[in-house]
């Protein structure tokens, strides 16, 4: 039920306010844009690995938003800003 709510919310939010920006500096200032299937781990010891499900630009955020699902637990999802993934103190590419 929680996954259904989160998924429906994600689709409503991105469907209603998404607009692809053609300004390249929006992406480059946060680092490289991740691809679907890329894996990131939180920098803490023993932290879970997260897989990129999609990347979407929305008008409500300066940076694109990245939807992640937890490796081996696809029912767990989180949405973070691209700037958060670019922060090497927070996430590392796995």
PDB file of N, CA and C in Angstrom:
ATOM      1  N   UNK A   1       0.818  -1.195   0.000  1.00  0.00           N
ATOM      2  CA  UNK A   1       0.000   0.000   0.000  1.00  0.00           C
ATOM      3  C   UNK A   1       0.867   1.266   0.000  1.00  0.00           C
ATOM      4  N   UNK A   2       1.920   1.272   0.849  1.00  0.00           N
ATOM      5  CA  UNK A   2       2.789   2.452   0.910  1.00  0.00           C
ATOM      6  C   UNK A   2       3.519   2.661  -0.410  1.00  0.00           C
ATOM      7  N   UNK A   3       3.950   1.552  -1.039  1.00  0.00           N
ATOM      8  CA  UNK A   3       4.635   1.695  -2.323  1.00  0.00           C
ATOM      9  C   UNK A   3       3.675   2.241  -3.368  1.00  0.00           C
ATOM     10  N   UNK A   4       2.435   1.780  -3.365  1.00  0.00           N
ATOM     11  CA  UNK A   4       1.444   2.260  -4.320  1.00  0.00           C
ATOM     12  C   UNK A   4       1.209   3.750  -4.125  1.00  0.00           C
ATOM     13  N   UNK A   5       1.080   4.189  -2.889  1.00  0.00           N
ATOM     14  CA  UNK A   5       0.885   5.603  -2.612  1.00  0.00           C
ATOM     15  C   UNK A   5       2.081   6.417  -3.090  1.00  0.00           C
ATOM     16  N   UNK A   6       3.297   5.949  -2.756  1.00  0.00           N
ATOM     17  CA  UNK A   6       4.506   6.678  -3.152  1.00  0.00           C
ATOM     18  C   UNK A   6       4.647   6.723  -4.670  1.00  0.00           C
ATOM     19  N   UNK A   7       4.368   5.622  -5.326  1.00  0.00           N
ATOM     20  CA  UNK A   7       4.464   5.579  -6.789  1.00  0.00           C
ATOM     21  C   UNK A   7       3.434   6.495  -7.422  1.00  0.00           C
ATOM     22  N   UNK A   8       2.199   6.455  -6.927  1.00  0.00           N
ATOM     23  CA  UNK A   8       1.154   7.330  -7.456  1.00  0.00           C
ATOM     24  C   UNK A   8       1.508   8.801  -7.220  1.00  0.00           C
ATOM     25  N   UNK A   9       2.029   9.106  -6.044  1.00  0.00           N
ATOM     26  CA  UNK A   9       2.427  10.480  -5.743  1.00  0.00           C
ATOM     27  C   UNK A   9       3.530  10.925  -6.692  1.00  0.00           C
ATOM     28  N   UNK A  10       4.528  10.057  -6.912  1.00  0.00           N
ATOM     29  CA  UNK A  10       5.636  10.385  -7.819  1.00  0.00           C
ATOM     30  C   UNK A  10       5.110  10.686  -9.216  1.00  0.00           C
ATOM     31  N   UNK A  11       4.219   9.849  -9.722  1.00  0.00           N
ATOM     32  CA  UNK A  11       3.683  10.064 -11.068  1.00  0.00           C
ATOM     33  C   UNK A  11       2.838  11.334 -11.144  1.00  0.00           C
ATOM     34  N   UNK A  12       2.062  11.615 -10.116  1.00  0.00           N
ATOM     35  CA  UNK A  12       1.260  12.849 -10.108  1.00  0.00           C
ATOM     36  C   UNK A  12       2.168  14.069 -10.064  1.00  0.00           C
ATOM     37  N   UNK A  13       3.174  14.024  -9.185  1.00  0.00           N
ATOM     38  CA  UNK A  13       4.057  15.169  -9.021  1.00  0.00           C
ATOM     39  C   UNK A  13       4.844  15.434 -10.304  1.00  0.00           C
ATOM     40  N   UNK A  14       5.461  14.420 -10.848  1.00  0.00           N
ATOM     41  CA  UNK A  14       6.295  14.623 -12.027  1.00  0.00           C
ATOM     42  C   UNK A  14       5.464  14.860 -13.274  1.00  0.00           C
ATOM     43  N   UNK A  15       4.287  14.290 -13.347  1.00  0.00           N
ATOM     44  CA  UNK A  15       3.438  14.495 -14.513  1.00  0.00           C
ATOM     45  C   UNK A  15       2.847  15.885 -14.564  1.00  0.00           C
ATOM     46  N   UNK A  16       2.593  16.470 -13.414  1.00  0.00           N
ATOM     47  CA  UNK A  16       1.925  17.765 -13.409  1.00  0.00           C
ATOM     48  C   UNK A  16       2.886  18.951 -13.474  1.00  0.00           C
ATOM     49  N   UNK A  17       4.097  18.801 -12.950  1.00  0.00           N
ATOM     50  CA  UNK A  17       4.975  19.958 -12.917  1.00  0.00           C
ATOM     51  C   UNK A  17       6.302  19.729 -13.621  1.00  0.00           C
ATOM     52  N   UNK A  18       6.454  18.609 -14.313  1.00  0.00           N
ATOM     53  CA  UNK A  18       7.741  18.370 -14.973  1.00  0.00           C
ATOM     54  C   UNK A  18       7.866  19.198 -16.234  1.00  0.00           C
ATOM     55  N   UNK A  19       9.080  19.654 -16.429  1.00  0.00           N
ATOM     56  CA  UNK A  19       9.412  20.393 -17.635  1.00  0.00           C
ATOM     57  C   UNK A  19      10.912  20.247 -17.825  1.00  0.00           C
ATOM     58  N   UNK A  20      11.320  19.646 -18.921  1.00  0.00           N
ATOM     59  CA  UNK A  20      12.736  19.417 -19.188  1.00  0.00           C
ATOM     60  C   UNK A  20      13.436  20.739 -19.435  1.00  0.00           C
ATOM     61  N   UNK A  21      14.492  20.986 -18.715  1.00  0.00           N
ATOM     62  CA  UNK A  21      15.261  22.212 -18.904  1.00  0.00           C
ATOM     63  C   UNK A  21      16.315  21.988 -19.969  1.00  0.00           C
ATOM     64  N   UNK A  22      16.538  22.990 -20.793  1.00  0.00           N
ATOM     65  CA  UNK A  22      17.558  22.895 -21.816  1.00  0.00           C
ATOM     66  C   UNK A  22      18.801  23.672 -21.419  1.00  0.00           C
ATOM     67  N   UNK A  23      18.925  23.994 -20.144  1.00  0.00           N
ATOM     68  CA  UNK A  23      20.084  24.720 -19.655  1.00  0.00           C
ATOM     69  C   UNK A  23      21.097  23.708 -19.126  1.00  0.00           C
ATOM     70  N   UNK A  24      22.207  23.487 -19.832  1.00  0.00           N
ATOM     71  CA  UNK A  24      23.163  22.462 -19.409  1.00  0.00           C
ATOM     72  C   UNK A  24      23.814  22.748 -18.067  1.00  0.00           C
ATOM     73  N   UNK A  25      23.949  24.018 -17.680  1.00  0.00           N
ATOM     74  CA  UNK A  25      24.594  24.308 -16.406  1.00  0.00           C
ATOM     75  C   UNK A  25      23.789  23.793 -15.216  1.00  0.00           C
ATOM     76  N   UNK A  26      22.507  23.581 -15.407  1.00  0.00           N
ATOM     77  CA  UNK A  26      21.687  23.052 -14.323  1.00  0.00           C
ATOM     78  C   UNK A  26      22.179  21.660 -13.919  1.00  0.00           C
ATOM     79  N   UNK A  27      22.635  20.882 -14.893  1.00  0.00           N
ATOM     80  CA  UNK A  27      23.088  19.525 -14.620  1.00  0.00           C
ATOM     81  C   UNK A  27      24.565  19.489 -14.243  1.00  0.00           C
ATOM     82  N   UNK A  28      25.367  20.267 -14.916  1.00  0.00           N
ATOM     83  CA  UNK A  28      26.799  20.181 -14.706  1.00  0.00           C
ATOM     84  C   UNK A  28      27.238  20.744 -13.358  1.00  0.00           C
ATOM     85  N   UNK A  29      26.490  21.659 -12.781  1.00  0.00           N
ATOM     86  CA  UNK A  29      26.928  22.211 -11.503  1.00  0.00           C
ATOM     87  C   UNK A  29      26.759  21.196 -10.379  1.00  0.00           C
ATOM     88  N   UNK A  30      25.919  20.178 -10.561  1.00  0.00           N
ATOM     89  CA  UNK A  30      25.761  19.149  -9.539  1.00  0.00           C
ATOM     90  C   UNK A  30      26.625  17.931  -9.835  1.00  0.00           C
ATOM     91  N   UNK A  31      27.310  17.909 -10.969  1.00  0.00           N
ATOM     92  CA  UNK A  31      28.088  16.738 -11.359  1.00  0.00           C
ATOM     93  C   UNK A  31      27.398  16.051 -12.512  1.00  0.00           C
ATOM     94  N   UNK A  32      27.893  14.884 -12.859  1.00  0.00           N
ATOM     95  CA  UNK A  32      27.321  14.176 -13.999  1.00  0.00           C
ATOM     96  C   UNK A  32      25.953  13.593 -13.654  1.00  0.00           C
ATOM     97  N   UNK A  33      25.083  13.543 -14.635  1.00  0.00           N
ATOM     98  CA  UNK A  33      23.746  12.999 -14.437  1.00  0.00           C
ATOM     99  C   UNK A  33      23.819  11.476 -14.414  1.00  0.00           C
ATOM    100  N   UNK A  34      23.251  10.843 -13.397  1.00  0.00           N
ATOM    101  CA  UNK A  34      23.296   9.385 -13.340  1.00  0.00           C
ATOM    102  C   UNK A  34      22.384   8.753 -14.391  1.00  0.00           C
ATOM    103  N   UNK A  35      22.703   7.543 -14.780  1.00  0.00           N
ATOM    104  CA  UNK A  35      21.913   6.774 -15.738  1.00  0.00           C
ATOM    105  C   UNK A  35      21.043   5.789 -14.972  1.00  0.00           C
ATOM    106  N   UNK A  36      19.950   5.372 -15.598  1.00  0.00           N
ATOM    107  CA  UNK A  36      19.087   4.357 -14.996  1.00  0.00           C
ATOM    108  C   UNK A  36      19.913   3.087 -14.794  1.00  0.00           C
ATOM    109  N   UNK A  37      19.820   2.526 -13.602  1.00  0.00           N
ATOM    110  CA  UNK A  37      20.567   1.314 -13.268  1.00  0.00           C
ATOM    111  C   UNK A  37      21.861   1.576 -12.527  1.00  0.00           C
ATOM    112  N   UNK A  38      22.323   2.837 -12.491  1.00  0.00           N
ATOM    113  CA  UNK A  38      23.525   3.157 -11.721  1.00  0.00           C
ATOM    114  C   UNK A  38      23.277   2.867 -10.252  1.00  0.00           C
ATOM    115  N   UNK A  39      24.335   2.484  -9.550  1.00  0.00           N
ATOM    116  CA  UNK A  39      24.204   2.142  -8.133  1.00  0.00           C
ATOM    117  C   UNK A  39      24.973   3.143  -7.286  1.00  0.00           C
ATOM    118  N   UNK A  40      24.361   3.528  -6.187  1.00  0.00           N
ATOM    119  CA  UNK A  40      24.965   4.440  -5.218  1.00  0.00           C
ATOM    120  C   UNK A  40      24.801   3.841  -3.827  1.00  0.00           C
ATOM    121  N   UNK A  41      25.816   4.028  -3.013  1.00  0.00           N
ATOM    122  CA  UNK A  41      25.742   3.602  -1.614  1.00  0.00           C
ATOM    123  C   UNK A  41      25.904   4.838  -0.751  1.00  0.00           C
ATOM    124  N   UNK A  42      25.213   4.831   0.366  1.00  0.00           N
ATOM    125  CA  UNK A  42      25.419   5.925   1.298  1.00  0.00           C
ATOM    126  C   UNK A  42      26.806   5.762   1.895  1.00  0.00           C
ATOM    127  N   UNK A  43      27.444   6.861   2.200  1.00  0.00           N
ATOM    128  CA  UNK A  43      28.847   6.852   2.606  1.00  0.00           C
ATOM    129  C   UNK A  43      29.093   6.152   3.946  1.00  0.00           C
ATOM    130  N   UNK A  44      28.093   5.980   4.759  1.00  0.00           N
ATOM    131  CA  UNK A  44      28.257   5.344   6.065  1.00  0.00           C
ATOM    132  C   UNK A  44      28.620   3.863   5.908  1.00  0.00           C
ATOM    133  N   UNK A  45      29.391   3.365   6.843  1.00  0.00           N
ATOM    134  CA  UNK A  45      29.815   1.965   6.846  1.00  0.00           C
ATOM    135  C   UNK A  45      28.605   1.033   6.888  1.00  0.00           C
ATOM    136  N   UNK A  46      28.539   0.076   5.984  1.00  0.00           N
ATOM    137  CA  UNK A  46      27.456  -0.904   5.961  1.00  0.00           C
ATOM    138  C   UNK A  46      26.119  -0.364   5.476  1.00  0.00           C
ATOM    139  N   UNK A  47      26.120   0.801   4.854  1.00  0.00           N
ATOM    140  CA  UNK A  47      24.875   1.406   4.369  1.00  0.00           C
ATOM    141  C   UNK A  47      24.358   0.645   3.144  1.00  0.00           C
ATOM    142  N   UNK A  48      23.055   0.701   2.901  1.00  0.00           N
ATOM    143  CA  UNK A  48      22.490  -0.019   1.751  1.00  0.00           C
ATOM    144  C   UNK A  48      22.890   0.605   0.418  1.00  0.00           C
ATOM    145  N   UNK A  49      22.748  -0.190  -0.631  1.00  0.00           N
ATOM    146  CA  UNK A  49      23.012   0.262  -1.991  1.00  0.00           C
ATOM    147  C   UNK A  49      21.674   0.611  -2.630  1.00  0.00           C
ATOM    148  N   UNK A  50      21.650   1.736  -3.350  1.00  0.00           N
ATOM    149  CA  UNK A  50      20.444   2.222  -4.010  1.00  0.00           C
ATOM    150  C   UNK A  50      20.661   2.231  -5.517  1.00  0.00           C
ATOM    151  N   UNK A  51      19.616   1.877  -6.281  1.00  0.00           N
ATOM    152  CA  UNK A  51      19.679   1.809  -7.738  1.00  0.00           C
ATOM    153  C   UNK A  51      18.824   2.919  -8.329  1.00  0.00           C
ATOM    154  N   UNK A  52      19.367   3.629  -9.319  1.00  0.00           N
ATOM    155  CA  UNK A  52      18.647   4.721  -9.976  1.00  0.00           C
ATOM    156  C   UNK A  52      17.517   4.142 -10.832  1.00  0.00           C
ATOM    157  N   UNK A  53      16.291   4.580 -10.557  1.00  0.00           N
ATOM    158  CA  UNK A  53      15.127   4.158 -11.341  1.00  0.00           C
ATOM    159  C   UNK A  53      14.814   5.153 -12.452  1.00  0.00           C
ATOM    160  N   UNK A  54      14.885   6.445 -12.144  1.00  0.00           N
ATOM    161  CA  UNK A  54      14.722   7.474 -13.173  1.00  0.00           C
ATOM    162  C   UNK A  54      15.217   8.819 -12.650  1.00  0.00           C
ATOM    163  N   UNK A  55      15.439   9.718 -13.598  1.00  0.00           N
ATOM    164  CA  UNK A  55      15.912  11.076 -13.301  1.00  0.00           C
ATOM    165  C   UNK A  55      14.965  12.015 -14.025  1.00  0.00           C
ATOM    166  N   UNK A  56      14.450  13.003 -13.305  1.00  0.00           N
ATOM    167  CA  UNK A  56      13.458  13.880 -13.894  1.00  0.00           C
ATOM    168  C   UNK A  56      13.646  15.311 -13.416  1.00  0.00           C
ATOM    169  N   UNK A  57      13.575  16.240 -14.347  1.00  0.00           N
ATOM    170  CA  UNK A  57      13.622  17.662 -13.987  1.00  0.00           C
ATOM    171  C   UNK A  57      12.222  18.133 -13.642  1.00  0.00           C
ATOM    172  N   UNK A  58      12.118  18.870 -12.559  1.00  0.00           N
ATOM    173  CA  UNK A  58      10.839  19.450 -12.153  1.00  0.00           C
ATOM    174  C   UNK A  58      11.058  20.926 -11.859  1.00  0.00           C
ATOM    175  N   UNK A  59      10.034  21.708 -12.048  1.00  0.00           N
ATOM    176  CA  UNK A  59      10.163  23.144 -11.832  1.00  0.00           C
ATOM    177  C   UNK A  59      10.343  23.489 -10.356  1.00  0.00           C
ATOM    178  N   UNK A  60       9.937  22.611  -9.464  1.00  0.00           N
ATOM    179  CA  UNK A  60      10.019  22.889  -8.041  1.00  0.00           C
ATOM    180  C   UNK A  60      11.425  22.701  -7.467  1.00  0.00           C
ATOM    181  N   UNK A  61      12.348  22.193  -8.270  1.00  0.00           N
ATOM    182  CA  UNK A  61      13.695  21.930  -7.781  1.00  0.00           C
ATOM    183  C   UNK A  61      14.723  22.497  -8.748  1.00  0.00           C
ATOM    184  N   UNK A  62      15.761  23.104  -8.208  1.00  0.00           N
ATOM    185  CA  UNK A  62      16.835  23.645  -9.046  1.00  0.00           C
ATOM    186  C   UNK A  62      17.562  22.521  -9.767  1.00  0.00           C
ATOM    187  N   UNK A  63      17.696  21.375  -9.120  1.00  0.00           N
ATOM    188  CA  UNK A  63      18.375  20.219  -9.692  1.00  0.00           C
ATOM    189  C   UNK A  63      17.355  19.136 -10.028  1.00  0.00           C
ATOM    190  N   UNK A  64      17.675  18.266 -10.978  1.00  0.00           N
ATOM    191  CA  UNK A  64      16.778  17.139 -11.262  1.00  0.00           C
ATOM    192  C   UNK A  64      16.614  16.256 -10.026  1.00  0.00           C
ATOM    193  N   UNK A  65      15.491  15.573  -9.944  1.00  0.00           N
ATOM    194  CA  UNK A  65      15.236  14.635  -8.860  1.00  0.00           C
ATOM    195  C   UNK A  65      15.540  13.232  -9.346  1.00  0.00           C
ATOM    196  N   UNK A  66      16.080  12.413  -8.450  1.00  0.00           N
ATOM    197  CA  UNK A  66      16.464  11.055  -8.778  1.00  0.00           C
ATOM    198  C   UNK A  66      15.668  10.109  -7.890  1.00  0.00           C
ATOM    199  N   UNK A  67      14.954   9.169  -8.530  1.00  0.00           N
ATOM    200  CA  UNK A  67      14.210   8.163  -7.760  1.00  0.00           C
ATOM    201  C   UNK A  67      15.083   6.931  -7.638  1.00  0.00           C
ATOM    202  N   UNK A  68      15.305   6.498  -6.401  1.00  0.00           N
ATOM    203  CA  UNK A  68      16.157   5.352  -6.097  1.00  0.00           C
ATOM    204  C   UNK A  68      15.339   4.247  -5.454  1.00  0.00           C
ATOM    205  N   UNK A  69      15.659   3.000  -5.774  1.00  0.00           N
ATOM    206  CA  UNK A  69      15.088   1.866  -5.057  1.00  0.00           C
ATOM    207  C   UNK A  69      16.237   1.102  -4.418  1.00  0.00           C
ATOM    208  N   UNK A  70      15.959   0.500  -3.289  1.00  0.00           N
ATOM    209  CA  UNK A  70      17.011  -0.205  -2.555  1.00  0.00           C
ATOM    210  C   UNK A  70      17.303  -1.545  -3.210  1.00  0.00           C
ATOM    211  N   UNK A  71      18.578  -1.839  -3.357  1.00  0.00           N
ATOM    212  CA  UNK A  71      18.994  -3.116  -3.930  1.00  0.00           C
ATOM    213  C   UNK A  71      18.487  -4.247  -3.042  1.00  0.00           C
ATOM    214  N   UNK A  72      17.917  -5.266  -3.649  1.00  0.00           N
ATOM    215  CA  UNK A  72      17.343  -6.439  -2.971  1.00  0.00           C
ATOM    216  C   UNK A  72      16.063  -6.125  -2.198  1.00  0.00           C
ATOM    217  N   UNK A  73      15.595  -4.889  -2.233  1.00  0.00           N
ATOM    218  CA  UNK A  73      14.335  -4.494  -1.589  1.00  0.00           C
ATOM    219  C   UNK A  73      13.633  -3.480  -2.492  1.00  0.00           C
ATOM    220  N   UNK A  74      13.120  -3.902  -3.648  1.00  0.00           N
ATOM    221  CA  UNK A  74      12.535  -2.943  -4.595  1.00  0.00           C
ATOM    222  C   UNK A  74      11.291  -2.224  -4.076  1.00  0.00           C
ATOM    223  N   UNK A  75      10.749  -2.675  -2.951  1.00  0.00           N
ATOM    224  CA  UNK A  75       9.592  -2.001  -2.373  1.00  0.00           C
ATOM    225  C   UNK A  75      10.000  -0.742  -1.598  1.00  0.00           C
ATOM    226  N   UNK A  76      11.298  -0.566  -1.327  1.00  0.00           N
ATOM    227  CA  UNK A  76      11.777   0.623  -0.628  1.00  0.00           C
ATOM    228  C   UNK A  76      12.287   1.623  -1.652  1.00  0.00           C
ATOM    229  N   UNK A  77      11.824   2.861  -1.538  1.00  0.00           N
ATOM    230  CA  UNK A  77      12.143   3.875  -2.521  1.00  0.00           C
ATOM    231  C   UNK A  77      12.468   5.186  -1.809  1.00  0.00           C
ATOM    232  N   UNK A  78      13.336   5.979  -2.433  1.00  0.00           N
ATOM    233  CA  UNK A  78      13.595   7.330  -1.933  1.00  0.00           C
ATOM    234  C   UNK A  78      13.813   8.236  -3.132  1.00  0.00           C
ATOM    235  N   UNK A  79      13.497   9.492  -2.955  1.00  0.00           N
ATOM    236  CA  UNK A  79      13.676  10.500  -3.993  1.00  0.00           C
ATOM    237  C   UNK A  79      14.632  11.546  -3.434  1.00  0.00           C
ATOM    238  N   UNK A  80      15.721  11.780  -4.163  1.00  0.00           N
ATOM    239  CA  UNK A  80      16.718  12.754  -3.723  1.00  0.00           C
ATOM    240  C   UNK A  80      17.051  13.692  -4.869  1.00  0.00           C
ATOM    241  N   UNK A  81      17.576  14.821  -4.535  1.00  0.00           N
ATOM    242  CA  UNK A  81      18.037  15.780  -5.531  1.00  0.00           C
ATOM    243  C   UNK A  81      19.358  15.293  -6.111  1.00  0.00           C
ATOM    244  N   UNK A  82      19.604  15.647  -7.361  1.00  0.00           N
ATOM    245  CA  UNK A  82      20.875  15.297  -7.989  1.00  0.00           C
ATOM    246  C   UNK A  82      22.041  15.884  -7.208  1.00  0.00           C
ATOM    247  N   UNK A  83      21.844  17.039  -6.609  1.00  0.00           N
ATOM    248  CA  UNK A  83      22.909  17.650  -5.812  1.00  0.00           C
ATOM    249  C   UNK A  83      23.257  16.786  -4.596  1.00  0.00           C
ATOM    250  N   UNK A  84      22.295  16.061  -4.059  1.00  0.00           N
ATOM    251  CA  UNK A  84      22.553  15.162  -2.934  1.00  0.00           C
ATOM    252  C   UNK A  84      23.411  13.986  -3.387  1.00  0.00           C
ATOM    253  N   UNK A  85      23.098  13.416  -4.559  1.00  0.00           N
ATOM    254  CA  UNK A  85      23.914  12.315  -5.079  1.00  0.00           C
ATOM    255  C   UNK A  85      25.329  12.774  -5.406  1.00  0.00           C
ATOM    256  N   UNK A  86      25.480  14.026  -5.799  1.00  0.00           N
ATOM    257  CA  UNK A  86      26.794  14.554  -6.150  1.00  0.00           C
ATOM    258  C   UNK A  86      27.658  14.821  -4.916  1.00  0.00           C
ATOM    259  N   UNK A  87      27.040  14.903  -3.742  1.00  0.00           N
ATOM    260  CA  UNK A  87      27.759  15.159  -2.492  1.00  0.00           C
ATOM    261  C   UNK A  87      28.498  13.885  -2.083  1.00  0.00           C
ATOM    262  N   UNK A  88      29.820  13.881  -2.231  1.00  0.00           N
ATOM    263  CA  UNK A  88      30.631  12.684  -1.943  1.00  0.00           C
ATOM    264  C   UNK A  88      30.637  12.312  -0.454  1.00  0.00           C
ATOM    265  N   UNK A  89      30.260  13.234   0.416  1.00  0.00           N
ATOM    266  CA  UNK A  89      30.169  12.910   1.835  1.00  0.00           C
ATOM    267  C   UNK A  89      28.891  12.136   2.149  1.00  0.00           C
ATOM    268  N   UNK A  90      27.903  12.256   1.260  1.00  0.00           N
ATOM    269  CA  UNK A  90      26.613  11.609   1.473  1.00  0.00           C
ATOM    270  C   UNK A  90      26.500  10.276   0.709  1.00  0.00           C
ATOM    271  N   UNK A  91      26.846  10.284  -0.585  1.00  0.00           N
ATOM    272  CA  UNK A  91      26.726   9.099  -1.425  1.00  0.00           C
ATOM    273  C   UNK A  91      28.016   8.846  -2.192  1.00  0.00           C
ATOM    274  N   UNK A  92      28.302   7.580  -2.412  1.00  0.00           N
ATOM    275  CA  UNK A  92      29.426   7.183  -3.271  1.00  0.00           C
ATOM    276  C   UNK A  92      28.885   6.260  -4.354  1.00  0.00           C
ATOM    277  N   UNK A  93      29.467   6.344  -5.525  1.00  0.00           N
ATOM    278  CA  UNK A  93      29.036   5.487  -6.636  1.00  0.00           C
ATOM    279  C   UNK A  93      29.531   4.070  -6.368  1.00  0.00           C
ATOM    280  N   UNK A  94      28.632   3.113  -6.443  1.00  0.00           N
ATOM    281  CA  UNK A  94      28.998   1.716  -6.150  1.00  0.00           C
ATOM    282  C   UNK A  94      29.268   0.938  -7.418  1.00  0.00           C
TER     283      UNK A  94
END
